[in-house]
Amino acid sequence: MNLAYCGLDCESCLIHTASLEEDAAIRHSMRVDIANQCNKLYGTNLQPVDVNNCDGCRADTGRLFSGCMTCAIRKCAMDKKIAYCGYCSNYVCELLEKHFMLDPEARSRLDEIRQMTRKNEY
């Protein structure tokens, strides 16, 4: 599984899925839908052209969604040099609480990572 710092499953992310789509017409249609969803959920003003290719916020390919570039959660995790927010001593912070309201499964994924880490400490 390819997880973002925040616990988002990149493999099921529509932006990542659109990045992998080879048919240009289908890819464009997907990006129209994604822009509309982002605008509705996050109050943004994205256009389909703004939904660029992305391999996940932790990937080193250089392909990163424009929203990830300004993500406060991503910046925090990178500044702290942690692989996932579940490793943070301040877990669960206010930024994550807001994120979890939109993606409760992300919390489950990070909680699982955190539990596995604690088991390995003993």
C-alpha atoms as a PDB file:
ATOM      1  CA  MET A   1       0.000   0.000   0.000  1.00  0.00           C
ATOM      2  CA  ASN A   2       1.260   3.464  -0.919  1.00  0.00           C
ATOM      3  CA  LEU A   3       0.333   5.787   1.951  1.00  0.00           C
ATOM      4  CA  ALA A   4       0.640   9.527   2.260  1.00  0.00           C
ATOM      5  CA  TYR A   5       2.014  11.054   5.460  1.00  0.00           C
ATOM      6  CA  CYS A   6      -1.593  11.653   6.584  1.00  0.00           C
ATOM      7  CA  GLY A   7      -2.719   8.058   6.022  1.00  0.00           C
ATOM      8  CA  LEU A   8      -4.442   8.655   2.691  1.00  0.00           C
ATOM      9  CA  ASP A   9      -4.223   5.533   0.522  1.00  0.00           C
ATOM     10  CA  CYS A  10      -2.590   6.831  -2.664  1.00  0.00           C
ATOM     11  CA  GLU A  11      -3.491   3.677  -4.586  1.00  0.00           C
ATOM     12  CA  SER A  12      -7.201   4.457  -4.226  1.00  0.00           C
ATOM     13  CA  CYS A  13      -6.780   8.216  -4.674  1.00  0.00           C
ATOM     14  CA  LEU A  14      -8.633   9.431  -7.753  1.00  0.00           C
ATOM     15  CA  ILE A  15      -5.824  11.849  -8.606  1.00  0.00           C
ATOM     16  CA  HIS A  16      -3.295   9.015  -8.641  1.00  0.00           C
ATOM     17  CA  THR A  17      -5.689   6.807 -10.613  1.00  0.00           C
ATOM     18  CA  ALA A  18      -6.127   9.557 -13.222  1.00  0.00           C
ATOM     19  CA  SER A  19      -2.340   9.885 -13.407  1.00  0.00           C
ATOM     20  CA  LEU A  20      -2.125   6.244 -14.461  1.00  0.00           C
ATOM     21  CA  GLU A  21      -4.906   6.444 -17.059  1.00  0.00           C
ATOM     22  CA  GLU A  22      -3.479   6.132 -20.573  1.00  0.00           C
ATOM     23  CA  ASP A  23      -6.566   7.205 -22.543  1.00  0.00           C
ATOM     24  CA  ALA A  24      -6.463  11.016 -22.798  1.00  0.00           C
ATOM     25  CA  ALA A  25     -10.239  11.439 -23.066  1.00  0.00           C
ATOM     26  CA  ILE A  26     -10.907   9.280 -20.011  1.00  0.00           C
ATOM     27  CA  ARG A  27      -8.095  11.004 -18.087  1.00  0.00           C
ATOM     28  CA  HIS A  28      -9.586  14.434 -18.898  1.00  0.00           C
ATOM     29  CA  SER A  29     -13.061  13.303 -17.801  1.00  0.00           C
ATOM     30  CA  MET A  30     -11.601  11.981 -14.554  1.00  0.00           C
ATOM     31  CA  ARG A  31      -9.838  15.286 -13.931  1.00  0.00           C
ATOM     32  CA  VAL A  32     -13.066  17.219 -14.502  1.00  0.00           C
ATOM     33  CA  ASP A  33     -14.756  15.043 -11.866  1.00  0.00           C
ATOM     34  CA  ILE A  34     -11.825  15.380  -9.456  1.00  0.00           C
ATOM     35  CA  ALA A  35     -11.755  19.182  -9.782  1.00  0.00           C
ATOM     36  CA  ASN A  36     -15.494  19.322  -9.090  1.00  0.00           C
ATOM     37  CA  GLN A  37     -15.151  17.072  -6.024  1.00  0.00           C
ATOM     38  CA  CYS A  38     -12.224  19.070  -4.623  1.00  0.00           C
ATOM     39  CA  ASN A  39     -14.107  22.315  -5.143  1.00  0.00           C
ATOM     40  CA  LYS A  40     -17.121  20.939  -3.311  1.00  0.00           C
ATOM     41  CA  LEU A  41     -15.228  19.291  -0.428  1.00  0.00           C
ATOM     42  CA  TYR A  42     -12.454  21.814   0.133  1.00  0.00           C
ATOM     43  CA  GLY A  43     -13.920  25.055  -1.214  1.00  0.00           C
ATOM     44  CA  THR A  44     -11.176  25.336  -3.815  1.00  0.00           C
ATOM     45  CA  ASN A  45     -11.453  26.686  -7.343  1.00  0.00           C
ATOM     46  CA  LEU A  46      -9.590  23.928  -9.192  1.00  0.00           C
ATOM     47  CA  GLN A  47      -9.851  23.512 -12.904  1.00  0.00           C
ATOM     48  CA  PRO A  48      -9.237  20.141 -14.591  1.00  0.00           C
ATOM     49  CA  VAL A  49      -5.844  21.401 -15.804  1.00  0.00           C
ATOM     50  CA  ASP A  50      -4.854  21.907 -12.135  1.00  0.00           C
ATOM     51  CA  VAL A  51      -5.293  18.186 -11.471  1.00  0.00           C
ATOM     52  CA  ASN A  52      -1.821  17.158 -12.546  1.00  0.00           C
ATOM     53  CA  ASN A  53      -0.102  13.777 -12.320  1.00  0.00           C
ATOM     54  CA  CYS A  54       0.754  12.546  -8.845  1.00  0.00           C
ATOM     55  CA  ASP A  55       2.584   9.490  -7.534  1.00  0.00           C
ATOM     56  CA  GLY A  56       1.908  10.323  -3.882  1.00  0.00           C
ATOM     57  CA  CYS A  57       3.293  12.949  -1.538  1.00  0.00           C
ATOM     58  CA  ARG A  58       6.072  10.646  -0.322  1.00  0.00           C
ATOM     59  CA  ALA A  59       7.209   9.586  -3.824  1.00  0.00           C
ATOM     60  CA  ASP A  60      10.485  10.878  -5.189  1.00  0.00           C
ATOM     61  CA  THR A  61       9.355  10.918  -8.834  1.00  0.00           C
ATOM     62  CA  GLY A  62       8.670  14.645  -8.920  1.00  0.00           C
ATOM     63  CA  ARG A  63       5.041  14.042  -9.915  1.00  0.00           C
ATOM     64  CA  LEU A  64       3.040  15.690  -7.146  1.00  0.00           C
ATOM     65  CA  PHE A  65      -0.526  17.022  -7.122  1.00  0.00           C
ATOM     66  CA  SER A  66      -0.631  20.807  -6.820  1.00  0.00           C
ATOM     67  CA  GLY A  67      -2.666  20.538  -3.587  1.00  0.00           C
ATOM     68  CA  CYS A  68       0.004  18.316  -2.035  1.00  0.00           C
ATOM     69  CA  MET A  69       2.650  20.937  -2.699  1.00  0.00           C
ATOM     70  CA  THR A  70       0.955  23.304  -0.241  1.00  0.00           C
ATOM     71  CA  CYS A  71      -0.340  20.680   2.217  1.00  0.00           C
ATOM     72  CA  ALA A  72       0.379  21.696   5.819  1.00  0.00           C
ATOM     73  CA  ILE A  73       0.320  18.060   6.974  1.00  0.00           C
ATOM     74  CA  ARG A  74       2.911  17.066   4.380  1.00  0.00           C
ATOM     75  CA  LYS A  75       5.129  20.016   5.278  1.00  0.00           C
ATOM     76  CA  CYS A  76       4.937  19.207   8.984  1.00  0.00           C
ATOM     77  CA  ALA A  77       5.846  15.533   8.472  1.00  0.00           C
ATOM     78  CA  MET A  78       8.733  16.443   6.175  1.00  0.00           C
ATOM     79  CA  ASP A  79      10.020  19.058   8.636  1.00  0.00           C
ATOM     80  CA  LYS A  80       9.919  16.435  11.400  1.00  0.00           C
ATOM     81  CA  LYS A  81      11.524  13.862   9.087  1.00  0.00           C
ATOM     82  CA  ILE A  82       8.898  11.212   9.828  1.00  0.00           C
ATOM     83  CA  ALA A  83       7.529   8.692   7.332  1.00  0.00           C
ATOM     84  CA  TYR A  84       3.937   8.898   8.613  1.00  0.00           C
ATOM     85  CA  CYS A  85       2.057  11.149  10.993  1.00  0.00           C
ATOM     86  CA  GLY A  86       1.380   8.078  13.132  1.00  0.00           C
ATOM     87  CA  TYR A  87       5.020   8.245  14.214  1.00  0.00           C
ATOM     88  CA  CYS A  88       4.694  11.807  15.521  1.00  0.00           C
ATOM     89  CA  SER A  89       4.864  12.507  19.245  1.00  0.00           C
ATOM     90  CA  ASN A  90       2.020  15.021  18.711  1.00  0.00           C
ATOM     91  CA  TYR A  91      -0.305  12.456  17.074  1.00  0.00           C
ATOM     92  CA  VAL A  92      -3.276  13.277  16.672  1.00  0.00           C
ATOM     93  CA  CYS A  93      -2.879  16.995  16.063  1.00  0.00           C
ATOM     94  CA  GLU A  94      -5.467  19.574  15.002  1.00  0.00           C
ATOM     95  CA  LEU A  95      -4.482  19.322  11.323  1.00  0.00           C
ATOM     96  CA  LEU A  96      -5.079  15.583  11.347  1.00  0.00           C
ATOM     97  CA  GLU A  97      -8.388  15.888  13.201  1.00  0.00           C
ATOM     98  CA  LYS A  98      -9.711  18.039  10.344  1.00  0.00           C
ATOM     99  CA  HIS A  99      -8.327  15.595   7.775  1.00  0.00           C
ATOM    100  CA  PHE A 100      -9.866  12.591   9.543  1.00  0.00           C
ATOM    101  CA  MET A 101     -13.308  14.187   9.349  1.00  0.00           C
ATOM    102  CA  LEU A 102     -13.039  13.848   5.555  1.00  0.00           C
ATOM    103  CA  ASP A 103     -11.151  10.538   5.520  1.00  0.00           C
ATOM    104  CA  PRO A 104     -11.809   8.446   8.658  1.00  0.00           C
ATOM    105  CA  GLU A 105     -10.015   5.447   7.129  1.00  0.00           C
ATOM    106  CA  ALA A 106      -6.791   7.477   7.130  1.00  0.00           C
ATOM    107  CA  ARG A 107      -6.957   7.529  10.918  1.00  0.00           C
ATOM    108  CA  SER A 108      -7.400   3.752  11.026  1.00  0.00           C
ATOM    109  CA  ARG A 109      -4.350   3.276   8.815  1.00  0.00           C
ATOM    110  CA  LEU A 110      -2.192   5.599  10.939  1.00  0.00           C
ATOM    111  CA  ASP A 111      -3.462   4.041  14.178  1.00  0.00           C
ATOM    112  CA  GLU A 112      -2.414   0.637  12.846  1.00  0.00           C
ATOM    113  CA  ILE A 113       1.059   1.947  11.941  1.00  0.00           C
ATOM    114  CA  ARG A 114       1.369   3.488  15.394  1.00  0.00           C
ATOM    115  CA  GLN A 115       0.341   0.241  17.117  1.00  0.00           C
ATOM    116  CA  MET A 116       2.821  -1.794  15.074  1.00  0.00           C
ATOM    117  CA  THR A 117       5.585   0.643  16.001  1.00  0.00           C
ATOM    118  CA  ARG A 118       4.757   0.383  19.686  1.00  0.00           C
ATOM    119  CA  LYS A 119       4.803  -3.425  19.534  1.00  0.00           C
ATOM    120  CA  ASN A 120       8.279  -3.285  17.996  1.00  0.00           C
ATOM    121  CA  GLU A 121       9.532  -1.029  20.797  1.00  0.00           C
ATOM    122  CA  TYR A 122       9.040  -3.743  23.412  1.00  0.00           C
END
